[in-house]
Amino acid sequence: MKKDIHPNYREVVFQDIASDFAILTRSTIRTSETITWEDGNEYPLVKVEVSSKSHPFYTGKQRVLSSGGRVDRFKQKYGRVRKSR
């Protein structure tokens, strides 16, 4: 097996910004933010918009999440508004 080709796993906290949910797991993702976990140690923090605690499929609840007008930003960036004749 080749040396130094595998990523280095480390413990990381993933936090759902739509609900009060966070999980400590292992990942190779890089982030500059940190958080103090329940055990008193500081871990890298990754914020996610949707997790199993906020996704309608898992919760059975329909929630509308506003992420800052994604459709409007897309239309501004890529599309022209067609005027009806």
Protein backbone atom coordinates (compact mmCIF):
# COMPACT_ATOMS: atom_id res chain seq x y z
CA MET A 1 0.00 0.00 0.00
CA LYS A 2 1.32 3.46 -0.88
CA LYS A 3 2.24 5.77 1.97
CA ASP A 4 0.82 9.26 2.49
CA ILE A 5 -2.03 8.96 -0.04
CA HIS A 6 -4.87 8.60 2.42
CA PRO A 7 -6.50 11.68 3.98
CA ASN A 8 -6.09 12.40 7.67
CA TYR A 9 -9.33 12.00 9.57
CA ARG A 10 -10.01 14.20 12.58
CA GLU A 11 -12.94 14.78 14.87
CA VAL A 12 -15.27 17.54 13.60
CA VAL A 13 -18.58 18.98 14.82
CA PHE A 14 -21.33 19.37 12.22
CA GLN A 15 -23.96 21.89 13.35
CA ASP A 16 -27.40 22.30 11.75
CA ILE A 17 -28.15 26.04 11.55
CA ALA A 18 -31.88 25.40 10.96
CA SER A 19 -32.32 23.53 14.25
CA ASP A 20 -30.53 23.19 17.56
CA PHE A 21 -28.64 20.02 16.57
CA ALA A 22 -24.95 19.17 16.39
CA ILE A 23 -23.03 15.94 16.03
CA LEU A 24 -19.41 15.07 16.69
CA THR A 25 -17.97 12.73 14.07
CA ARG A 26 -14.81 12.14 12.06
CA SER A 27 -14.16 13.85 8.74
CA THR A 28 -11.43 15.13 6.43
CA ILE A 29 -13.21 18.45 5.77
CA ARG A 30 -11.25 21.66 6.39
CA THR A 31 -12.75 24.62 8.26
CA SER A 32 -11.48 27.68 10.07
CA GLU A 33 -14.24 27.82 12.70
CA THR A 34 -14.08 25.98 16.02
CA ILE A 35 -16.54 25.16 18.80
CA THR A 36 -16.23 23.92 22.38
CA TRP A 37 -18.01 20.58 22.62
CA GLU A 38 -19.84 19.06 25.60
CA ASP A 39 -16.66 17.33 26.79
CA GLY A 40 -14.86 20.69 27.13
CA ASN A 41 -12.56 20.13 24.13
CA GLU A 42 -12.41 22.42 21.13
CA TYR A 43 -13.18 20.93 17.70
CA PRO A 44 -13.41 22.26 14.14
CA LEU A 45 -16.96 23.38 13.26
CA VAL A 46 -18.84 22.86 10.00
CA LYS A 47 -22.25 24.55 9.66
CA VAL A 48 -24.85 22.81 7.49
CA GLU A 49 -28.27 24.09 6.39
CA VAL A 50 -30.11 20.76 6.54
CA SER A 51 -29.65 17.62 8.61
CA SER A 52 -31.84 14.72 9.70
CA LYS A 53 -33.24 16.96 12.47
CA SER A 54 -34.51 19.63 10.05
CA HIS A 55 -35.18 17.81 6.76
CA PRO A 56 -38.92 17.34 6.07
CA PHE A 57 -38.43 13.70 5.00
CA TYR A 58 -37.08 12.75 8.43
CA THR A 59 -39.18 15.09 10.57
CA GLY A 60 -42.50 14.67 8.78
CA LYS A 61 -43.00 18.44 8.93
CA GLN A 62 -43.00 20.77 5.98
CA ARG A 63 -40.87 23.84 6.72
CA VAL A 64 -39.96 26.65 4.42
CA LEU A 65 -36.30 27.58 4.76
CA SER A 66 -35.31 30.91 3.36
CA SER A 67 -31.72 30.94 2.20
CA GLY A 68 -31.59 34.49 0.97
CA GLY A 69 -33.46 34.41 -2.34
CA ARG A 70 -31.57 31.73 -4.22
CA VAL A 71 -33.96 31.83 -7.17
CA ASP A 72 -33.67 35.60 -7.49
CA ARG A 73 -29.88 35.45 -7.34
CA PHE A 74 -29.86 32.72 -9.99
CA LYS A 75 -32.12 34.76 -12.28
CA GLN A 76 -29.95 37.84 -11.84
CA LYS A 77 -26.77 35.94 -12.57
CA TYR A 78 -27.83 33.65 -15.42
CA GLY A 79 -31.19 34.62 -16.78
CA ARG A 80 -32.86 37.54 -18.38
CA VAL A 81 -36.37 38.37 -17.44
CA ARG A 82 -38.57 37.92 -20.49
CA LYS A 83 -41.14 40.60 -21.07
CA SER A 84 -44.51 39.46 -22.33
CA ARG A 85 -45.61 40.94 -25.61
